[in-house]
Amino acid sequence: MGAVNAVLILGGAILVVIGWQRARGPWERYRELKAQDENVARYEAWRGGLRDDSRTGASVAMEILQRRARLGALVAVLGVVLVVAGVLIR
């Protein structure tokens, strides 16, 4: 294994860890907000009221959290690509 391979594998592993850490927090909070939003929707349906589907602060927060989670996942995927490239390049 050459120096280039080692650098690619090490750099890829670091990116996987960083991407996972960056995606984990926003994704968990997004799931919490989504569950809360679904609960409110069930409650409104049970009450028989019509739910206003306009943008709320929670929906904007969910969009931002989803975007951050995607960016973290993209960094992790880039890390996996670097690790694979490090293993395959001779």
PDB file of N, CA and C in Angstrom:
ATOM      1  N   MET A   1       0.853  -1.170   0.000  1.00  0.00           N
ATOM      2  CA  MET A   1       0.000   0.000   0.000  1.00  0.00           C
ATOM      3  C   MET A   1       0.897   1.231   0.000  1.00  0.00           C
ATOM      4  N   GLY A   2       0.579   2.130  -0.918  1.00  0.00           N
ATOM      5  CA  GLY A   2       1.379   3.325  -1.027  1.00  0.00           C
ATOM      6  C   GLY A   2       0.880   4.442  -0.130  1.00  0.00           C
ATOM      7  N   ALA A   3       1.614   5.520  -0.165  1.00  0.00           N
ATOM      8  CA  ALA A   3       1.268   6.680   0.659  1.00  0.00           C
ATOM      9  C   ALA A   3      -0.047   7.302   0.196  1.00  0.00           C
ATOM     10  N   VAL A   4      -0.290   7.299  -1.114  1.00  0.00           N
ATOM     11  CA  VAL A   4      -1.525   7.870  -1.644  1.00  0.00           C
ATOM     12  C   VAL A   4      -2.727   7.069  -1.147  1.00  0.00           C
ATOM     13  N   ASN A   5      -2.593   5.747  -1.156  1.00  0.00           N
ATOM     14  CA  ASN A   5      -3.675   4.897  -0.668  1.00  0.00           C
ATOM     15  C   ASN A   5      -3.975   5.177   0.803  1.00  0.00           C
ATOM     16  N   ALA A   6      -2.945   5.272   1.592  1.00  0.00           N
ATOM     17  CA  ALA A   6      -3.124   5.517   3.022  1.00  0.00           C
ATOM     18  C   ALA A   6      -3.790   6.866   3.271  1.00  0.00           C
ATOM     19  N   VAL A   7      -3.369   7.866   2.514  1.00  0.00           N
ATOM     20  CA  VAL A   7      -3.961   9.199   2.677  1.00  0.00           C
ATOM     21  C   VAL A   7      -5.432   9.182   2.273  1.00  0.00           C
ATOM     22  N   LEU A   8      -5.749   8.516   1.171  1.00  0.00           N
ATOM     23  CA  LEU A   8      -7.143   8.442   0.736  1.00  0.00           C
ATOM     24  C   LEU A   8      -8.013   7.698   1.750  1.00  0.00           C
ATOM     25  N   ILE A   9      -7.505   6.586   2.257  1.00  0.00           N
ATOM     26  CA  ILE A   9      -8.274   5.803   3.226  1.00  0.00           C
ATOM     27  C   ILE A   9      -8.451   6.586   4.526  1.00  0.00           C
ATOM     28  N   LEU A  10      -7.384   7.190   5.014  1.00  0.00           N
ATOM     29  CA  LEU A  10      -7.469   7.964   6.253  1.00  0.00           C
ATOM     30  C   LEU A  10      -8.373   9.188   6.078  1.00  0.00           C
ATOM     31  N   GLY A  11      -8.196   9.899   4.979  1.00  0.00           N
ATOM     32  CA  GLY A  11      -9.050  11.066   4.714  1.00  0.00           C
ATOM     33  C   GLY A  11     -10.508  10.678   4.553  1.00  0.00           C
ATOM     34  N   GLY A  12     -10.761   9.572   3.876  1.00  0.00           N
ATOM     35  CA  GLY A  12     -12.123   9.096   3.710  1.00  0.00           C
ATOM     36  C   GLY A  12     -12.751   8.696   5.034  1.00  0.00           C
ATOM     37  N   ALA A  13     -11.985   8.026   5.867  1.00  0.00           N
ATOM     38  CA  ALA A  13     -12.509   7.621   7.183  1.00  0.00           C
ATOM     39  C   ALA A  13     -12.834   8.843   8.033  1.00  0.00           C
ATOM     40  N   ILE A  14     -11.995   9.843   7.976  1.00  0.00           N
ATOM     41  CA  ILE A  14     -12.247  11.079   8.727  1.00  0.00           C
ATOM     42  C   ILE A  14     -13.515  11.756   8.207  1.00  0.00           C
ATOM     43  N   LEU A  15     -13.687  11.800   6.887  1.00  0.00           N
ATOM     44  CA  LEU A  15     -14.898  12.409   6.320  1.00  0.00           C
ATOM     45  C   LEU A  15     -16.156  11.628   6.684  1.00  0.00           C
ATOM     46  N   VAL A  16     -16.061  10.309   6.755  1.00  0.00           N
ATOM     47  CA  VAL A  16     -17.217   9.503   7.151  1.00  0.00           C
ATOM     48  C   VAL A  16     -17.630   9.853   8.577  1.00  0.00           C
ATOM     49  N   VAL A  17     -16.663   9.957   9.467  1.00  0.00           N
ATOM     50  CA  VAL A  17     -16.961  10.285  10.862  1.00  0.00           C
ATOM     51  C   VAL A  17     -17.538  11.692  10.972  1.00  0.00           C
ATOM     52  N   ILE A  18     -16.936  12.649  10.299  1.00  0.00           N
ATOM     53  CA  ILE A  18     -17.419  14.033  10.348  1.00  0.00           C
ATOM     54  C   ILE A  18     -18.826  14.124   9.756  1.00  0.00           C
ATOM     55  N   GLY A  19     -19.048  13.477   8.630  1.00  0.00           N
ATOM     56  CA  GLY A  19     -20.366  13.516   8.000  1.00  0.00           C
ATOM     57  C   GLY A  19     -21.430  12.879   8.865  1.00  0.00           C
ATOM     58  N   TRP A  20     -21.098  11.761   9.494  1.00  0.00           N
ATOM     59  CA  TRP A  20     -22.056  11.086  10.378  1.00  0.00           C
ATOM     60  C   TRP A  20     -22.407  11.969  11.566  1.00  0.00           C
ATOM     61  N   GLN A  21     -21.404  12.614  12.150  1.00  0.00           N
ATOM     62  CA  GLN A  21     -21.662  13.494  13.286  1.00  0.00           C
ATOM     63  C   GLN A  21     -22.503  14.700  12.878  1.00  0.00           C
ATOM     64  N   ARG A  22     -22.235  15.238  11.699  1.00  0.00           N
ATOM     65  CA  ARG A  22     -22.990  16.407  11.238  1.00  0.00           C
ATOM     66  C   ARG A  22     -24.423  16.063  10.860  1.00  0.00           C
ATOM     67  N   ALA A  23     -24.660  14.849  10.400  1.00  0.00           N
ATOM     68  CA  ALA A  23     -26.001  14.455   9.970  1.00  0.00           C
ATOM     69  C   ALA A  23     -26.853  13.931  11.120  1.00  0.00           C
ATOM     70  N   ARG A  24     -26.245  13.362  12.118  1.00  0.00           N
ATOM     71  CA  ARG A  24     -26.984  12.696  13.186  1.00  0.00           C
ATOM     72  C   ARG A  24     -27.872  13.655  13.978  1.00  0.00           C
ATOM     73  N   GLY A  25     -27.350  14.762  14.441  1.00  0.00           N
ATOM     74  CA  GLY A  25     -28.118  15.699  15.258  1.00  0.00           C
ATOM     75  C   GLY A  25     -29.318  16.296  14.533  1.00  0.00           C
ATOM     76  N   PRO A  26     -29.107  16.896  13.360  1.00  0.00           N
ATOM     77  CA  PRO A  26     -30.250  17.455  12.638  1.00  0.00           C
ATOM     78  C   PRO A  26     -31.286  16.404  12.242  1.00  0.00           C
ATOM     79  N   TRP A  27     -30.846  15.188  11.898  1.00  0.00           N
ATOM     80  CA  TRP A  27     -31.798  14.158  11.499  1.00  0.00           C
ATOM     81  C   TRP A  27     -32.672  13.735  12.679  1.00  0.00           C
ATOM     82  N   GLU A  28     -32.071  13.608  13.869  1.00  0.00           N
ATOM     83  CA  GLU A  28     -32.856  13.254  15.053  1.00  0.00           C
ATOM     84  C   GLU A  28     -33.881  14.343  15.377  1.00  0.00           C
ATOM     85  N   ARG A  29     -33.463  15.591  15.319  1.00  0.00           N
ATOM     86  CA  ARG A  29     -34.385  16.695  15.612  1.00  0.00           C
ATOM     87  C   ARG A  29     -35.478  16.773  14.543  1.00  0.00           C
ATOM     88  N   TYR A  30     -35.125  16.520  13.290  1.00  0.00           N
ATOM     89  CA  TYR A  30     -36.112  16.514  12.212  1.00  0.00           C
ATOM     90  C   TYR A  30     -37.169  15.441  12.481  1.00  0.00           C
ATOM     91  N   ARG A  31     -36.735  14.254  12.863  1.00  0.00           N
ATOM     92  CA  ARG A  31     -37.689  13.179  13.148  1.00  0.00           C
ATOM     93  C   ARG A  31     -38.601  13.533  14.315  1.00  0.00           C
ATOM     94  N   GLU A  32     -38.053  14.206  15.329  1.00  0.00           N
ATOM     95  CA  GLU A  32     -38.876  14.628  16.464  1.00  0.00           C
ATOM     96  C   GLU A  32     -39.937  15.635  16.025  1.00  0.00           C
ATOM     97  N   LEU A  33     -39.523  16.616  15.228  1.00  0.00           N
ATOM     98  CA  LEU A  33     -40.481  17.624  14.751  1.00  0.00           C
ATOM     99  C   LEU A  33     -41.528  17.005  13.836  1.00  0.00           C
ATOM    100  N   LYS A  34     -41.119  16.074  13.005  1.00  0.00           N
ATOM    101  CA  LYS A  34     -42.055  15.414  12.103  1.00  0.00           C
ATOM    102  C   LYS A  34     -43.081  14.596  12.888  1.00  0.00           C
ATOM    103  N   ALA A  35     -42.624  13.890  13.917  1.00  0.00           N
ATOM    104  CA  ALA A  35     -43.551  13.117  14.745  1.00  0.00           C
ATOM    105  C   ALA A  35     -44.529  14.033  15.467  1.00  0.00           C
ATOM    106  N   GLN A  36     -44.034  15.155  15.939  1.00  0.00           N
ATOM    107  CA  GLN A  36     -44.908  16.119  16.610  1.00  0.00           C
ATOM    108  C   GLN A  36     -45.919  16.699  15.627  1.00  0.00           C
ATOM    109  N   ASP A  37     -45.491  16.996  14.424  1.00  0.00           N
ATOM    110  CA  ASP A  37     -46.389  17.532  13.408  1.00  0.00           C
ATOM    111  C   ASP A  37     -47.465  16.504  13.030  1.00  0.00           C
ATOM    112  N   GLU A  38     -47.075  15.238  12.912  1.00  0.00           N
ATOM    113  CA  GLU A  38     -48.050  14.181  12.609  1.00  0.00           C
ATOM    114  C   GLU A  38     -49.041  14.014  13.758  1.00  0.00           C
ATOM    115  N   ASN A  39     -48.561  14.175  14.979  1.00  0.00           N
ATOM    116  CA  ASN A  39     -49.442  14.077  16.132  1.00  0.00           C
ATOM    117  C   ASN A  39     -50.480  15.204  16.124  1.00  0.00           C
ATOM    118  N   VAL A  40     -50.044  16.406  15.796  1.00  0.00           N
ATOM    119  CA  VAL A  40     -50.972  17.538  15.707  1.00  0.00           C
ATOM    120  C   VAL A  40     -51.988  17.294  14.598  1.00  0.00           C
ATOM    121  N   ALA A  41     -51.536  16.740  13.476  1.00  0.00           N
ATOM    122  CA  ALA A  41     -52.450  16.456  12.365  1.00  0.00           C
ATOM    123  C   ALA A  41     -53.500  15.421  12.777  1.00  0.00           C
ATOM    124  N   ARG A  42     -53.083  14.391  13.500  1.00  0.00           N
ATOM    125  CA  ARG A  42     -54.048  13.393  13.986  1.00  0.00           C
ATOM    126  C   ARG A  42     -55.039  14.025  14.953  1.00  0.00           C
ATOM    127  N   TYR A  43     -54.559  14.888  15.819  1.00  0.00           N
ATOM    128  CA  TYR A  43     -55.431  15.547  16.783  1.00  0.00           C
ATOM    129  C   TYR A  43     -56.449  16.431  16.070  1.00  0.00           C
ATOM    130  N   GLU A  44     -55.984  17.193  15.095  1.00  0.00           N
ATOM    131  CA  GLU A  44     -56.890  18.072  14.344  1.00  0.00           C
ATOM    132  C   GLU A  44     -57.931  17.240  13.590  1.00  0.00           C
ATOM    133  N   ALA A  45     -57.523  16.108  13.039  1.00  0.00           N
ATOM    134  CA  ALA A  45     -58.474  15.244  12.334  1.00  0.00           C
ATOM    135  C   ALA A  45     -59.485  14.655  13.316  1.00  0.00           C
ATOM    136  N   TRP A  46     -59.020  14.300  14.496  1.00  0.00           N
ATOM    137  CA  TRP A  46     -59.911  13.750  15.515  1.00  0.00           C
ATOM    138  C   TRP A  46     -60.928  14.791  15.969  1.00  0.00           C
ATOM    139  N   ARG A  47     -60.457  16.044  16.096  1.00  0.00           N
ATOM    140  CA  ARG A  47     -61.346  17.131  16.492  1.00  0.00           C
ATOM    141  C   ARG A  47     -62.339  17.485  15.400  1.00  0.00           C
ATOM    142  N   GLY A  48     -62.009  17.143  14.198  1.00  0.00           N
ATOM    143  CA  GLY A  48     -62.899  17.441  13.083  1.00  0.00           C
ATOM    144  C   GLY A  48     -62.627  18.786  12.443  1.00  0.00           C
ATOM    145  N   GLY A  49     -61.581  19.442  12.870  1.00  0.00           N
ATOM    146  CA  GLY A  49     -61.240  20.745  12.309  1.00  0.00           C
ATOM    147  C   GLY A  49     -60.375  20.609  11.074  1.00  0.00           C
ATOM    148  N   LEU A  50     -60.392  21.622  10.271  1.00  0.00           N
ATOM    149  CA  LEU A  50     -59.519  21.652   9.103  1.00  0.00           C
ATOM    150  C   LEU A  50     -58.169  22.205   9.521  1.00  0.00           C
ATOM    151  N   ARG A  51     -57.142  21.582   9.028  1.00  0.00           N
ATOM    152  CA  ARG A  51     -55.796  22.009   9.380  1.00  0.00           C
ATOM    153  C   ARG A  51     -55.288  22.985   8.338  1.00  0.00           C
ATOM    154  N   ASP A  52     -54.734  24.076   8.809  1.00  0.00           N
ATOM    155  CA  ASP A  52     -54.140  25.070   7.932  1.00  0.00           C
ATOM    156  C   ASP A  52     -52.793  24.531   7.445  1.00  0.00           C
ATOM    157  N   ASP A  53     -52.631  24.424   6.131  1.00  0.00           N
ATOM    158  CA  ASP A  53     -51.407  23.853   5.568  1.00  0.00           C
ATOM    159  C   ASP A  53     -50.373  24.903   5.182  1.00  0.00           C
ATOM    160  N   SER A  54     -50.508  26.111   5.685  1.00  0.00           N
ATOM    161  CA  SER A  54     -49.538  27.143   5.344  1.00  0.00           C
ATOM    162  C   SER A  54     -48.224  26.880   6.077  1.00  0.00           C
ATOM    163  N   ARG A  55     -47.188  27.562   5.635  1.00  0.00           N
ATOM    164  CA  ARG A  55     -45.861  27.381   6.230  1.00  0.00           C
ATOM    165  C   ARG A  55     -45.861  27.881   7.666  1.00  0.00           C
ATOM    166  N   THR A  56     -45.264  27.084   8.521  1.00  0.00           N
ATOM    167  CA  THR A  56     -45.118  27.457   9.916  1.00  0.00           C
ATOM    168  C   THR A  56     -43.638  27.495  10.263  1.00  0.00           C
ATOM    169  N   GLY A  57     -43.344  27.949  11.446  1.00  0.00           N
ATOM    170  CA  GLY A  57     -41.952  27.953  11.892  1.00  0.00           C
ATOM    171  C   GLY A  57     -41.389  26.546  11.971  1.00  0.00           C
ATOM    172  N   ALA A  58     -42.239  25.602  12.382  1.00  0.00           N
ATOM    173  CA  ALA A  58     -41.785  24.211  12.474  1.00  0.00           C
ATOM    174  C   ALA A  58     -41.490  23.621  11.099  1.00  0.00           C
ATOM    175  N   SER A  59     -42.309  23.963  10.101  1.00  0.00           N
ATOM    176  CA  SER A  59     -42.050  23.425   8.764  1.00  0.00           C
ATOM    177  C   SER A  59     -40.765  24.006   8.179  1.00  0.00           C
ATOM    178  N   VAL A  60     -40.504  25.270   8.463  1.00  0.00           N
ATOM    179  CA  VAL A  60     -39.251  25.881   8.001  1.00  0.00           C
ATOM    180  C   VAL A  60     -38.071  25.229   8.712  1.00  0.00           C
ATOM    181  N   ALA A  61     -38.213  24.995  10.013  1.00  0.00           N
ATOM    182  CA  ALA A  61     -37.141  24.338  10.766  1.00  0.00           C
ATOM    183  C   ALA A  61     -36.890  22.932  10.232  1.00  0.00           C
ATOM    184  N   MET A  62     -37.962  22.213   9.889  1.00  0.00           N
ATOM    185  CA  MET A  62     -37.787  20.864   9.343  1.00  0.00           C
ATOM    186  C   MET A  62     -37.047  20.896   8.014  1.00  0.00           C
ATOM    187  N   GLU A  63     -37.332  21.896   7.178  1.00  0.00           N
ATOM    188  CA  GLU A  63     -36.617  22.015   5.905  1.00  0.00           C
ATOM    189  C   GLU A  63     -35.133  22.277   6.138  1.00  0.00           C
ATOM    190  N   ILE A  64     -34.826  23.159   7.076  1.00  0.00           N
ATOM    191  CA  ILE A  64     -33.427  23.485   7.367  1.00  0.00           C
ATOM    192  C   ILE A  64     -32.708  22.263   7.936  1.00  0.00           C
ATOM    193  N   LEU A  65     -33.355  21.568   8.866  1.00  0.00           N
ATOM    194  CA  LEU A  65     -32.744  20.374   9.460  1.00  0.00           C
ATOM    195  C   LEU A  65     -32.534  19.286   8.429  1.00  0.00           C
ATOM    196  N   GLN A  66     -33.493  19.125   7.527  1.00  0.00           N
ATOM    197  CA  GLN A  66     -33.358  18.119   6.477  1.00  0.00           C
ATOM    198  C   GLN A  66     -32.188  18.471   5.551  1.00  0.00           C
ATOM    199  N   ARG A  67     -32.037  19.741   5.238  1.00  0.00           N
ATOM    200  CA  ARG A  67     -30.929  20.179   4.386  1.00  0.00           C
ATOM    201  C   ARG A  67     -29.588  19.914   5.066  1.00  0.00           C
ATOM    202  N   ARG A  68     -29.494  20.208   6.371  1.00  0.00           N
ATOM    203  CA  ARG A  68     -28.251  19.955   7.109  1.00  0.00           C
ATOM    204  C   ARG A  68     -27.937  18.467   7.182  1.00  0.00           C
ATOM    205  N   ALA A  69     -28.959  17.649   7.389  1.00  0.00           N
ATOM    206  CA  ALA A  69     -28.742  16.205   7.446  1.00  0.00           C
ATOM    207  C   ALA A  69     -28.275  15.676   6.089  1.00  0.00           C
ATOM    208  N   ARG A  70     -28.849  16.188   5.026  1.00  0.00           N
ATOM    209  CA  ARG A  70     -28.409  15.764   3.680  1.00  0.00           C
ATOM    210  C   ARG A  70     -26.967  16.144   3.420  1.00  0.00           C
ATOM    211  N   LEU A  71     -26.576  17.349   3.854  1.00  0.00           N
ATOM    212  CA  LEU A  71     -25.197  17.794   3.654  1.00  0.00           C
ATOM    213  C   LEU A  71     -24.234  16.896   4.425  1.00  0.00           C
ATOM    214  N   GLY A  72     -24.582  16.555   5.658  1.00  0.00           N
ATOM    215  CA  GLY A  72     -23.740  15.645   6.434  1.00  0.00           C
ATOM    216  C   GLY A  72     -23.648  14.277   5.791  1.00  0.00           C
ATOM    217  N   ALA A  73     -24.770  13.780   5.281  1.00  0.00           N
ATOM    218  CA  ALA A  73     -24.766  12.482   4.598  1.00  0.00           C
ATOM    219  C   ALA A  73     -23.920  12.536   3.334  1.00  0.00           C
ATOM    220  N   LEU A  74     -23.971  13.653   2.629  1.00  0.00           N
ATOM    221  CA  LEU A  74     -23.158  13.814   1.424  1.00  0.00           C
ATOM    222  C   LEU A  74     -21.672  13.773   1.760  1.00  0.00           C
ATOM    223  N   VAL A  75     -21.284  14.404   2.860  1.00  0.00           N
ATOM    224  CA  VAL A  75     -19.885  14.366   3.298  1.00  0.00           C
ATOM    225  C   VAL A  75     -19.482  12.933   3.631  1.00  0.00           C
ATOM    226  N   ALA A  76     -20.369  12.200   4.303  1.00  0.00           N
ATOM    227  CA  ALA A  76     -20.069  10.803   4.642  1.00  0.00           C
ATOM    228  C   ALA A  76     -19.936   9.943   3.384  1.00  0.00           C
ATOM    229  N   VAL A  77     -20.802  10.156   2.418  1.00  0.00           N
ATOM    230  CA  VAL A  77     -20.723   9.394   1.165  1.00  0.00           C
ATOM    231  C   VAL A  77     -19.435   9.715   0.431  1.00  0.00           C
ATOM    232  N   LEU A  78     -19.031  10.969   0.430  1.00  0.00           N
ATOM    233  CA  LEU A  78     -17.758  11.343  -0.181  1.00  0.00           C
ATOM    234  C   LEU A  78     -16.606  10.623   0.514  1.00  0.00           C
ATOM    235  N   GLY A  79     -16.696  10.498   1.836  1.00  0.00           N
ATOM    236  CA  GLY A  79     -15.677   9.761   2.579  1.00  0.00           C
ATOM    237  C   GLY A  79     -15.624   8.296   2.174  1.00  0.00           C
ATOM    238  N   VAL A  80     -16.787   7.689   1.991  1.00  0.00           N
ATOM    239  CA  VAL A  80     -16.829   6.287   1.558  1.00  0.00           C
ATOM    240  C   VAL A  80     -16.210   6.143   0.175  1.00  0.00           C
ATOM    241  N   VAL A  81     -16.486   7.083  -0.701  1.00  0.00           N
ATOM    242  CA  VAL A  81     -15.905   7.048  -2.051  1.00  0.00           C
ATOM    243  C   VAL A  81     -14.386   7.139  -1.967  1.00  0.00           C
ATOM    244  N   LEU A  82     -13.881   8.007  -1.095  1.00  0.00           N
ATOM    245  CA  LEU A  82     -12.425   8.126  -0.943  1.00  0.00           C
ATOM    246  C   LEU A  82     -11.817   6.837  -0.389  1.00  0.00           C
ATOM    247  N   VAL A  83     -12.488   6.214   0.566  1.00  0.00           N
ATOM    248  CA  VAL A  83     -11.970   4.958   1.122  1.00  0.00           C
ATOM    249  C   VAL A  83     -11.933   3.886   0.035  1.00  0.00           C
ATOM    250  N   VAL A  84     -12.992   3.773  -0.737  1.00  0.00           N
ATOM    251  CA  VAL A  84     -13.030   2.783  -1.825  1.00  0.00           C
ATOM    252  C   VAL A  84     -11.947   3.090  -2.851  1.00  0.00           C
ATOM    253  N   ALA A  85     -11.781   4.363  -3.188  1.00  0.00           N
ATOM    254  CA  ALA A  85     -10.734   4.730  -4.141  1.00  0.00           C
ATOM    255  C   ALA A  85      -9.362   4.401  -3.587  1.00  0.00           C
ATOM    256  N   GLY A  86      -9.175   4.606  -2.288  1.00  0.00           N
ATOM    257  CA  GLY A  86      -7.898   4.278  -1.670  1.00  0.00           C
ATOM    258  C   GLY A  86      -7.589   2.797  -1.692  1.00  0.00           C
ATOM    259  N   VAL A  87      -8.629   1.986  -1.610  1.00  0.00           N
ATOM    260  CA  VAL A  87      -8.421   0.537  -1.645  1.00  0.00           C
ATOM    261  C   VAL A  87      -8.178   0.054  -3.074  1.00  0.00           C
ATOM    262  N   LEU A  88      -8.882   0.650  -4.033  1.00  0.00           N
ATOM    263  CA  LEU A  88      -8.800   0.171  -5.408  1.00  0.00           C
ATOM    264  C   LEU A  88      -7.601   0.693  -6.189  1.00  0.00           C
ATOM    265  N   ILE A  89      -7.122   1.878  -5.870  1.00  0.00           N
ATOM    266  CA  ILE A  89      -5.989   2.445  -6.620  1.00  0.00           C
ATOM    267  C   ILE A  89      -4.711   1.734  -6.220  1.00  0.00           C
ATOM    268  N   ARG A  90      -3.919   1.423  -7.215  1.00  0.00           N
ATOM    269  CA  ARG A  90      -2.639   0.740  -6.951  1.00  0.00           C
ATOM    270  C   ARG A  90      -1.485   1.620  -7.267  1.00  0.00           C
TER     271      ARG A  90
END
